[in-house]
Structures are given as structure tokens and as C-alpha cells.
């Protein structure tokens, strides 16, 4: 399977009060940290979708072998960023692995487990399970790409992770995401 990672980094991070993409974790911006994690995994390509504050976020990724894709409609919601990411993947891509910048505990082993669980199934749906939910990181085989084109607003991958047939990869660390300054404090993130 030729897997392309799509790192969704276009949002305004309103609840954080500033761009969480640039939040420093152990001296490294979150967006860079997650992009490097994807590059260490078994993905074939990495697309980082930028929007709000792209001129500030893009430069922290310049030296990495990732494709930066600009979502000029980022204010219309998450669905537009997924669509821009899918359109930016290389033509040979057979599955998309959706990531966000707010899971600082993400590592390549988790991504590789997701990829392995998908096998070669063009209709694969593999999601991380944490707490009482499933969510991202999540992988979708190429057969699901047209469904993403139909999404609007802030409807993202979660919409397509309903029903039977979703393979779950247990990853409790996925519940630790950073949306607010309180999350940063609660999870003891070292912002140096």
C-alpha cells in the first residue's frame, strides 16, 4: 500500500489563543514534530495543509521533505483542509493517513501499526481507539476519497468512522491532545 500522510495544520487554534502548530514541545514546534514523526513512519509522502498563519508556520518545515499545500478556504472548516490534502497527494497514493498537530505523544510506531492493520484494502478504515471513542490518526483507503469530497464545514474524518468495518488500533495516548492552554498545563508539556 502506498500511504500518504496528510497533516492538517490550517486552523486558527482559537481556543489555544495562538497557533498551536508553533507551540514548542521540547524545543520543537508541534507541527514540525508531527511532520518528522510521519517521515519516520512507513508513509511514502507527507502533505502539510496550511491556512491560517501559513507565512509563520511554513518556514519551520522548509528543510523537511514534505509538500506544503495552502488551503485558501481554511475558514470554511476542516473538510476543506482534508480535500486540499487529498488533492495534493501523489497520484500513486492508495491510502491517506490523517494527522493533526495537537497529539504530542504521537510516534512512528503507532502510525506503522495503523498502516499494517490496513493491509492492501482499498476500502480500509483504520482509526485509533482511545477512551470511549475512535479518531485520528486514521487511515482511509483510496475507495473512501470520493466521500471526503462530499464533506462540508467542520465535518472531518470522524463522520466516516461510524458503522461497521472500522479496524481499531488501541492508542490511549491519543486522548492527550492540546486545544487550550489548560491542556498544555494539564498534560505537563515542556514548552522549552
Protein backbone atom coordinates (compact mmCIF):
# COMPACT_ATOMS: atom_id res chain seq x y z
CA UNK A 1 0.00 0.00 0.00
CA UNK A 2 1.28 3.46 -0.92
CA UNK A 3 0.27 5.62 2.03
CA UNK A 4 0.33 9.40 2.00
CA UNK A 5 0.12 11.29 5.29
CA UNK A 6 -1.96 14.46 5.44
CA UNK A 7 -1.03 16.69 8.38
CA UNK A 8 -3.92 19.09 8.99
CA UNK A 9 -2.37 22.36 10.19
CA UNK A 10 -4.59 25.06 8.69
CA UNK A 11 -6.77 26.02 11.65
CA UNK A 12 -6.71 29.20 13.71
CA UNK A 13 -6.31 27.46 17.13
CA UNK A 14 -8.86 29.87 18.61
CA UNK A 15 -9.18 28.00 21.92
CA UNK A 16 -5.37 27.98 22.33
CA UNK A 17 -5.20 31.75 21.88
CA UNK A 18 -2.36 31.40 19.37
CA UNK A 19 -1.14 28.94 16.73
CA UNK A 20 -0.80 25.57 18.45
CA UNK A 21 1.12 24.44 15.37
CA UNK A 22 4.01 26.56 16.70
CA UNK A 23 3.67 25.50 20.35
CA UNK A 24 7.11 24.38 21.46
CA UNK A 25 7.45 20.85 22.82
CA UNK A 26 10.98 20.07 23.96
CA UNK A 27 12.28 22.93 21.84
CA UNK A 28 10.47 21.98 18.64
CA UNK A 29 7.23 23.36 17.12
CA UNK A 30 4.40 20.81 17.27
CA UNK A 31 3.81 20.92 13.50
CA UNK A 32 7.46 20.07 12.85
CA UNK A 33 7.45 17.36 15.49
CA UNK A 34 4.43 15.61 13.94
CA UNK A 35 5.75 16.02 10.37
CA UNK A 36 9.04 14.38 11.41
CA UNK A 37 7.13 11.57 13.10
CA UNK A 38 5.24 10.91 9.86
CA UNK A 39 8.50 10.94 7.90
CA UNK A 40 9.95 8.29 10.23
CA UNK A 41 6.99 6.00 9.59
CA UNK A 42 6.26 3.83 6.56
CA UNK A 43 4.37 6.52 4.66
CA UNK A 44 5.53 7.31 1.13
CA UNK A 45 4.73 11.03 1.22
CA UNK A 46 3.74 13.77 3.65
CA UNK A 47 1.49 16.72 2.79
CA UNK A 48 1.12 19.50 5.35
CA UNK A 49 -2.01 21.57 4.81
CA UNK A 50 -1.55 25.18 5.90
CA UNK A 51 -4.05 28.02 6.07
CA UNK A 52 -4.23 30.48 8.94
CA UNK A 53 -0.78 31.92 9.63
CA UNK A 54 0.79 29.89 6.83
CA UNK A 55 3.52 32.52 6.49
CA UNK A 56 4.60 31.82 10.10
CA UNK A 57 4.15 28.04 10.11
CA UNK A 58 5.59 27.18 6.69
CA UNK A 59 9.16 28.29 7.45
CA UNK A 60 9.54 25.81 10.35
CA UNK A 61 9.06 22.99 7.81
CA UNK A 62 11.20 24.31 4.93
CA UNK A 63 14.07 21.87 5.37
CA UNK A 64 11.85 18.77 5.64
CA UNK A 65 10.90 16.63 2.60
CA UNK A 66 7.20 17.46 2.87
CA UNK A 67 4.82 19.12 0.44
CA UNK A 68 3.21 22.29 1.78
CA UNK A 69 -0.33 22.75 0.48
CA UNK A 70 -2.16 26.02 1.06
CA UNK A 71 -5.86 25.91 1.89
CA UNK A 72 -7.20 29.32 0.92
CA UNK A 73 -10.63 28.29 2.24
CA UNK A 74 -9.49 27.13 5.68
CA UNK A 75 -12.10 29.34 7.38
CA UNK A 76 -14.85 27.20 5.80
CA UNK A 77 -13.85 24.26 8.01
CA UNK A 78 -11.88 21.09 8.39
CA UNK A 79 -13.45 19.40 5.38
CA UNK A 80 -11.72 21.86 3.04
CA UNK A 81 -8.31 21.04 4.51
CA UNK A 82 -8.84 17.31 4.04
CA UNK A 83 -9.91 17.95 0.45
CA UNK A 84 -6.82 20.09 -0.24
CA UNK A 85 -4.63 17.39 1.31
CA UNK A 86 -6.17 14.61 -0.78
CA UNK A 87 -5.79 16.66 -3.97
CA UNK A 88 -2.11 17.23 -3.14
CA UNK A 89 -1.15 13.58 -2.65
CA UNK A 90 0.90 11.91 -5.40
CA UNK A 91 -1.24 10.04 -7.96
CA UNK A 92 0.12 6.63 -6.88
CA UNK A 93 -1.22 7.07 -3.34
CA UNK A 94 -3.59 4.25 -2.36
CA UNK A 95 -4.42 5.35 1.20
CA UNK A 96 -4.43 8.58 3.21
CA UNK A 97 -3.33 8.77 6.84
CA UNK A 98 -4.90 11.82 8.53
CA UNK A 99 -2.95 13.54 11.30
CA UNK A 100 -3.25 16.72 13.33
CA UNK A 101 -0.69 18.81 15.19
CA UNK A 102 -2.18 18.50 18.64
CA UNK A 103 -1.15 14.99 19.73
CA UNK A 104 2.37 15.45 21.11
CA UNK A 105 2.71 11.79 22.14
CA UNK A 106 2.43 10.52 18.56
CA UNK A 107 5.25 8.27 17.39
CA UNK A 108 6.06 6.37 14.20
CA UNK A 109 5.27 3.00 15.80
CA UNK A 110 1.60 3.96 16.14
CA UNK A 111 1.46 5.09 12.52
CA UNK A 112 3.11 1.86 11.37
CA UNK A 113 0.58 -0.20 13.34
CA UNK A 114 -2.23 1.66 11.57
CA UNK A 115 -0.65 1.09 8.15
CA UNK A 116 -0.10 -2.61 8.89
CA UNK A 117 -3.72 -3.02 10.06
CA UNK A 118 -4.97 -1.62 6.73
CA UNK A 119 -3.21 -4.23 4.64
CA UNK A 120 -3.87 -3.70 0.93
CA UNK A 121 -7.58 -2.98 1.27
CA UNK A 122 -8.73 -0.05 -0.90
CA UNK A 123 -11.73 0.31 1.40
CA UNK A 124 -9.75 0.14 4.63
CA UNK A 125 -10.74 2.36 7.52
CA UNK A 126 -8.35 2.18 10.45
CA UNK A 127 -8.66 4.51 13.43
CA UNK A 128 -7.00 4.94 16.78
CA UNK A 129 -9.13 4.00 19.75
CA UNK A 130 -8.71 5.94 22.96
CA UNK A 131 -11.04 6.42 25.87
CA UNK A 132 -14.55 5.72 24.61
CA UNK A 133 -14.01 6.94 21.07
CA UNK A 134 -12.16 6.35 17.82
CA UNK A 135 -10.40 9.09 15.91
CA UNK A 136 -7.22 10.31 14.36
CA UNK A 137 -4.68 9.31 13.42
CA UNK A 138 -6.89 7.45 10.98
CA UNK A 139 -6.21 5.81 7.63
CA UNK A 140 -8.63 5.63 4.71
CA UNK A 141 -8.12 3.52 1.60
CA UNK A 142 -8.50 5.19 -1.77
CA UNK A 143 -12.07 3.93 -2.09
CA UNK A 144 -13.09 6.46 0.57
CA UNK A 145 -11.53 9.51 -1.13
CA UNK A 146 -14.73 10.45 -3.04
CA UNK A 147 -16.68 10.54 0.25
CA UNK A 148 -14.32 13.20 1.62
CA UNK A 149 -15.09 15.40 -1.38
CA UNK A 150 -18.73 15.45 -0.25
CA UNK A 151 -17.99 16.73 3.28
CA UNK A 152 -18.66 20.36 4.18
CA UNK A 153 -17.76 22.66 7.07
CA UNK A 154 -16.12 21.21 10.15
CA UNK A 155 -17.13 17.66 9.32
CA UNK A 156 -13.97 15.62 9.16
CA UNK A 157 -12.83 12.01 9.34
CA UNK A 158 -14.97 11.24 12.39
CA UNK A 159 -18.04 11.30 10.14
CA UNK A 160 -16.64 8.42 8.09
CA UNK A 161 -15.56 6.38 11.10
CA UNK A 162 -19.11 5.40 12.02
CA UNK A 163 -20.56 1.95 11.50
CA UNK A 164 -19.09 -1.48 10.99
CA UNK A 165 -15.82 -2.29 9.32
CA UNK A 166 -13.57 0.18 11.11
CA UNK A 167 -10.40 -1.51 12.36
CA UNK A 168 -9.32 -0.11 15.70
CA UNK A 169 -5.74 0.34 16.85
CA UNK A 170 -5.64 0.93 20.60
CA UNK A 171 -3.61 4.05 21.49
CA UNK A 172 -4.63 5.59 24.81
CA UNK A 173 -2.09 8.42 24.37
CA UNK A 174 -4.37 9.74 21.62
CA UNK A 175 -6.68 11.17 24.26
CA UNK A 176 -3.94 13.61 25.17
CA UNK A 177 -4.44 16.44 22.73
CA UNK A 178 -3.69 20.12 23.05
CA UNK A 179 -6.54 22.51 22.34
CA UNK A 180 -6.27 25.04 25.19
CA UNK A 181 -3.57 26.49 27.48
CA UNK A 182 -5.18 24.39 30.23
CA UNK A 183 -4.48 21.23 28.20
CA UNK A 184 -0.84 22.25 27.94
CA UNK A 185 -0.66 22.70 31.71
CA UNK A 186 -2.66 19.53 32.48
CA UNK A 187 -0.52 17.30 30.30
CA UNK A 188 2.71 18.81 31.64
CA UNK A 189 4.02 19.82 28.23
CA UNK A 190 7.55 21.21 28.41
CA UNK A 191 7.33 24.34 26.25
CA UNK A 192 11.07 24.95 26.06
